[in-house]
Amino acid sequence: MEIIPYIFIFLLGAVIASFATVVAERLHTGERWVSGRSRCNSCGRELSSRDLVPILSWVFSRGRCTACGGRVPGTYALTEGVTGLSFALALYKIGAAFELVFFLIALSILVFIVVYDIRHTLIPQIASLLFVASSLIFSFFYASSLHAFGSALLFASCIALFFFLMHVFSRGKAMGLGDTPLSFALSLLVAPYAVSGLLFSFWIGALWGIGVLVFRRGGPKMGIEVPFAPFLALGYLLAYLIEWNPFAF
């Protein structure tokens, strides 16, 4: 197995994750994301090129700004590493095919959605539409037949309807409306493991919620708003990776 394509696509994923994080942090804050160098969140100093190398800059600086010594969150390097790994795994599972392009585009948009949801507990509508579009195109070309694509579309629609009804009946307290198109697109992206992804998402979310309630400062407290996009992304990608089907006996 050639290792160079995997190294290249890992680096591509890490770079895209770095860019997506910058856009998610600057969007709707008044800062320009199209131009302008990144700055340290502690001292405001413009970062040099050596400070912007995905993963390695954080590792070699030991998670601190080289100017003021302020802490740089490890989530930056983690996001870059996970995205790079996801890109490499996508290449392994799909191969160097035409469909891979749309899968990677969808993954890139998903990274932005997850980071933005963590920062603002909100999913931008334009990002959802782009994610749905790229997932639809991937699913159409990757499906083995029109029947398989139709089945994937039906399952994805049912799951999206489930999320929509949860939002309506809970009046937005149990689930945000933005999770509906997100679940639809993810279900198309990982078909036929959509149900597995749904189960994993809720299991991971439940474990996280219990941990927050038990270990948060000030003791347990209900009513904490937790973004669900990260759990959806993690659950669905995990199901796609291990290929677990709850209906297979």
Protein backbone atom coordinates (compact mmCIF):
# COMPACT_ATOMS: atom_id res chain seq x y z
CA MET A 1 0.00 0.00 0.00
CA GLU A 2 1.40 3.38 -1.05
CA ILE A 3 1.85 5.57 2.04
CA ILE A 4 2.53 8.89 0.27
CA PRO A 5 -1.10 9.52 -0.84
CA TYR A 6 -2.26 8.95 2.75
CA ILE A 7 0.32 11.36 4.13
CA PHE A 8 -0.67 13.96 1.55
CA ILE A 9 -4.39 13.65 2.22
CA PHE A 10 -3.82 13.68 5.99
CA LEU A 11 -1.94 16.97 5.65
CA LEU A 12 -4.67 18.32 3.38
CA GLY A 13 -7.28 17.50 5.99
CA ALA A 14 -5.24 19.15 8.75
CA VAL A 15 -4.80 22.33 6.71
CA ILE A 16 -8.51 22.48 5.85
CA ALA A 17 -9.40 21.96 9.52
CA SER A 18 -7.11 24.83 10.50
CA PHE A 19 -8.77 27.11 7.96
CA ALA A 20 -12.29 25.99 8.93
CA THR A 21 -11.52 26.75 12.58
CA VAL A 22 -10.38 30.27 11.74
CA VAL A 23 -13.50 30.92 9.66
CA ALA A 24 -15.78 29.52 12.38
CA GLU A 25 -14.15 31.73 15.01
CA ARG A 26 -14.20 34.94 12.97
CA LEU A 27 -17.57 34.66 11.25
CA HIS A 28 -20.13 37.14 12.62
CA THR A 29 -17.55 38.63 15.00
CA GLY A 30 -16.64 41.62 12.85
CA GLU A 31 -13.24 40.17 11.91
CA ARG A 32 -12.36 39.46 8.31
CA TRP A 33 -11.65 35.82 7.58
CA VAL A 34 -10.82 36.21 3.90
CA SER A 35 -7.70 38.21 4.71
CA GLY A 36 -5.69 39.14 7.75
CA ARG A 37 -3.22 36.99 9.66
CA SER A 38 -4.17 34.91 12.67
CA ARG A 39 -3.43 36.39 16.09
CA CYS A 40 -2.75 35.08 19.56
CA ASN A 41 -5.96 35.22 21.60
CA SER A 42 -3.98 36.27 24.69
CA CYS A 43 -1.60 39.01 23.52
CA GLY A 44 -2.97 39.82 20.06
CA ARG A 45 0.39 39.34 18.31
CA GLU A 46 0.23 38.27 14.68
CA LEU A 47 1.32 34.66 14.31
CA SER A 48 4.29 33.86 12.09
CA SER A 49 4.37 31.11 9.49
CA ARG A 50 6.07 28.72 11.91
CA ASP A 51 3.21 29.24 14.37
CA LEU A 52 0.64 28.17 11.78
CA VAL A 53 1.84 24.69 10.85
CA PRO A 54 -1.05 22.33 11.66
CA ILE A 55 -0.48 20.11 14.71
CA LEU A 56 3.33 20.54 14.73
CA SER A 57 3.26 24.20 15.80
CA TRP A 58 1.17 23.31 18.84
CA VAL A 59 3.36 20.32 19.70
CA PHE A 60 6.71 22.12 19.43
CA SER A 61 5.44 25.19 21.31
CA ARG A 62 4.03 22.88 23.99
CA GLY A 63 0.64 24.46 23.63
CA ARG A 64 1.77 28.01 24.38
CA CYS A 65 2.17 31.26 22.46
CA THR A 66 5.84 31.77 21.56
CA ALA A 67 5.57 35.48 22.42
CA CYS A 68 3.59 35.76 25.65
CA GLY A 69 3.48 32.16 26.85
CA GLY A 70 -0.32 32.14 26.91
CA ARG A 71 -2.01 28.78 26.57
CA VAL A 72 -3.16 27.69 23.13
CA PRO A 73 -6.13 25.30 23.42
CA GLY A 74 -5.30 21.74 22.47
CA THR A 75 -8.62 21.57 20.61
CA TYR A 76 -6.92 23.25 17.64
CA ALA A 77 -4.40 20.45 17.20
CA LEU A 78 -7.03 17.83 18.05
CA THR A 79 -9.39 19.13 15.36
CA GLU A 80 -6.59 19.18 12.79
CA GLY A 81 -5.45 15.67 13.71
CA VAL A 82 -8.94 14.14 13.70
CA THR A 83 -9.79 15.78 10.38
CA GLY A 84 -6.54 14.62 8.80
CA LEU A 85 -7.18 11.09 10.05
CA SER A 86 -10.76 11.21 8.73
CA PHE A 87 -9.47 12.26 5.31
CA ALA A 88 -6.97 9.39 5.28
CA LEU A 89 -9.62 6.86 6.35
CA ALA A 90 -11.96 8.16 3.64
CA LEU A 91 -9.26 7.50 1.05
CA TYR A 92 -8.77 4.00 2.45
CA LYS A 93 -12.48 3.15 2.39
CA ILE A 94 -13.55 4.87 -0.84
CA GLY A 95 -10.33 4.78 -2.80
CA ALA A 96 -8.99 7.37 -5.24
CA ALA A 97 -12.36 7.67 -6.95
CA PHE A 98 -14.42 10.56 -8.28
CA GLU A 99 -16.83 10.24 -5.33
CA LEU A 100 -14.04 10.84 -2.83
CA VAL A 101 -13.92 14.52 -3.80
CA PHE A 102 -17.50 15.09 -2.66
CA PHE A 103 -16.98 13.07 0.52
CA LEU A 104 -13.99 15.24 1.45
CA ILE A 105 -15.91 18.42 0.61
CA ALA A 106 -18.72 17.23 2.89
CA LEU A 107 -16.20 16.43 5.65
CA SER A 108 -14.66 19.88 5.36
CA ILE A 109 -18.04 21.57 5.73
CA LEU A 110 -18.84 19.26 8.64
CA VAL A 111 -15.69 20.37 10.46
CA PHE A 112 -16.76 24.00 10.10
CA ILE A 113 -20.28 23.17 11.35
CA VAL A 114 -18.98 21.33 14.40
CA VAL A 115 -16.51 24.06 15.38
CA TYR A 116 -19.11 26.80 14.82
CA ASP A 117 -21.72 24.93 16.84
CA ILE A 118 -19.26 24.48 19.72
CA ARG A 119 -18.41 28.20 19.66
CA HIS A 120 -21.90 29.63 19.15
CA THR A 121 -24.37 26.73 19.77
CA LEU A 122 -25.74 27.50 16.32
CA ILE A 123 -25.45 25.97 12.85
CA PRO A 124 -25.32 28.49 9.95
CA GLN A 125 -28.03 27.80 7.39
CA ILE A 126 -25.70 28.21 4.41
CA ALA A 127 -23.31 25.63 5.85
CA SER A 128 -26.19 23.18 6.34
CA LEU A 129 -27.34 23.65 2.75
CA LEU A 130 -23.83 23.10 1.38
CA PHE A 131 -23.40 20.02 3.56
CA VAL A 132 -26.71 18.56 2.37
CA ALA A 133 -25.83 19.29 -1.28
CA SER A 134 -22.38 17.68 -1.12
CA SER A 135 -23.75 14.64 0.75
CA LEU A 136 -26.53 14.20 -1.81
CA ILE A 137 -24.07 14.30 -4.70
CA PHE A 138 -21.74 11.83 -2.98
CA SER A 139 -24.58 9.45 -2.12
CA PHE A 140 -25.96 9.55 -5.66
CA PHE A 141 -22.66 8.70 -7.35
CA TYR A 142 -21.45 6.27 -4.67
CA ALA A 143 -24.65 4.22 -4.48
CA SER A 144 -24.50 0.87 -6.24
CA SER A 145 -27.85 1.49 -7.92
CA LEU A 146 -30.78 3.90 -8.07
CA HIS A 147 -32.64 1.58 -5.71
CA ALA A 148 -29.81 1.81 -3.19
CA PHE A 149 -29.77 5.59 -3.49
CA GLY A 150 -33.54 5.70 -3.01
CA SER A 151 -33.26 3.55 0.12
CA ALA A 152 -30.55 5.80 1.53
CA LEU A 153 -32.71 8.84 0.78
CA LEU A 154 -35.70 7.28 2.50
CA PHE A 155 -33.75 6.36 5.65
CA ALA A 156 -32.17 9.80 5.78
CA SER A 157 -35.57 11.47 5.43
CA CYS A 158 -37.04 9.37 8.25
CA ILE A 159 -34.17 10.23 10.57
CA ALA A 160 -34.42 13.91 9.68
CA LEU A 161 -38.18 13.80 10.37
CA PHE A 162 -37.44 12.26 13.77
CA PHE A 163 -35.14 15.17 14.64
CA PHE A 164 -37.67 17.70 13.33
CA LEU A 165 -40.46 16.23 15.45
CA MET A 166 -38.19 16.26 18.50
CA HIS A 167 -37.58 19.95 17.90
CA VAL A 168 -41.27 20.73 17.41
CA PHE A 169 -42.67 18.77 20.36
CA SER A 170 -39.96 19.98 22.74
CA ARG A 171 -40.27 23.55 21.42
CA GLY A 172 -36.56 23.58 20.69
CA LYS A 173 -35.49 22.49 24.17
CA ALA A 174 -34.50 18.91 23.35
CA MET A 175 -33.08 19.49 19.87
CA GLY A 176 -32.22 22.48 17.70
CA LEU A 177 -33.76 22.87 14.26
CA GLY A 178 -30.29 22.93 12.69
CA ASP A 179 -29.76 19.30 13.69
CA THR A 180 -32.47 18.20 11.23
CA PRO A 181 -30.61 18.90 7.95
CA LEU A 182 -27.37 17.85 9.63
CA SER A 183 -28.76 14.40 10.50
CA PHE A 184 -30.19 14.10 6.97
CA ALA A 185 -26.84 14.83 5.32
CA LEU A 186 -24.89 12.59 7.68
CA SER A 187 -27.31 9.73 7.08
CA LEU A 188 -26.71 10.03 3.34
CA LEU A 189 -22.98 10.28 3.83
CA VAL A 190 -22.59 7.05 5.81
CA ALA A 191 -25.43 4.96 4.33
CA PRO A 192 -26.11 2.09 5.06
CA TYR A 193 -24.91 2.82 8.61
CA ALA A 194 -27.29 5.71 9.28
CA VAL A 195 -29.18 3.97 12.09
CA SER A 196 -25.90 2.95 13.72
CA GLY A 197 -24.73 6.56 13.51
CA LEU A 198 -27.94 7.77 15.12
CA LEU A 199 -27.55 5.32 18.01
CA PHE A 200 -23.88 6.15 18.54
CA SER A 201 -24.66 9.87 18.53
CA PHE A 202 -27.22 9.58 21.29
CA TRP A 203 -25.07 7.20 23.33
CA ILE A 204 -22.04 9.48 23.13
CA GLY A 205 -24.19 12.53 23.86
CA ALA A 206 -25.75 10.83 26.87
CA LEU A 207 -22.36 9.86 28.31
CA TRP A 208 -21.07 13.40 27.80
CA GLY A 209 -24.17 14.88 29.41
CA ILE A 210 -23.83 12.64 32.45
CA GLY A 211 -20.17 13.59 32.77
CA VAL A 212 -20.99 17.31 32.59
CA LEU A 213 -23.73 17.00 35.20
CA VAL A 214 -21.58 15.02 37.60
CA PHE A 215 -18.20 16.71 37.27
CA ARG A 216 -19.06 20.34 36.50
CA ARG A 217 -18.04 23.00 39.00
CA GLY A 218 -20.80 23.85 41.43
CA GLY A 219 -22.28 20.38 41.31
CA PRO A 220 -25.00 18.89 39.09
CA LYS A 221 -27.33 21.35 37.41
CA MET A 222 -29.98 20.75 34.78
CA GLY A 223 -30.72 23.01 31.84
CA ILE A 224 -27.17 23.18 30.44
CA GLU A 225 -27.16 23.91 26.69
CA VAL A 226 -24.91 21.45 24.88
CA PRO A 227 -24.29 21.60 21.10
CA PHE A 228 -25.31 18.31 19.52
CA ALA A 229 -23.49 18.64 16.18
CA PRO A 230 -20.18 17.24 17.58
CA PHE A 231 -21.98 14.12 18.85
CA LEU A 232 -23.76 13.63 15.54
CA ALA A 233 -20.50 13.96 13.60
CA LEU A 234 -18.60 11.64 15.93
CA GLY A 235 -21.37 9.05 16.11
CA TYR A 236 -21.98 8.84 12.38
CA LEU A 237 -18.30 8.76 11.43
CA LEU A 238 -17.65 6.09 14.06
CA ALA A 239 -20.46 3.97 12.62
CA TYR A 240 -19.02 4.43 9.14
CA LEU A 241 -15.56 3.46 10.35
CA ILE A 242 -16.44 0.25 12.19
CA GLU A 243 -19.30 -0.66 9.83
CA TRP A 244 -21.64 -1.81 12.61
CA ASN A 245 -25.16 -2.62 11.50
CA PRO A 246 -27.67 -3.22 14.35
CA PHE A 247 -29.93 -5.15 11.95
CA ALA A 248 -27.26 -7.63 10.92
CA PHE A 249 -27.52 -10.90 12.83
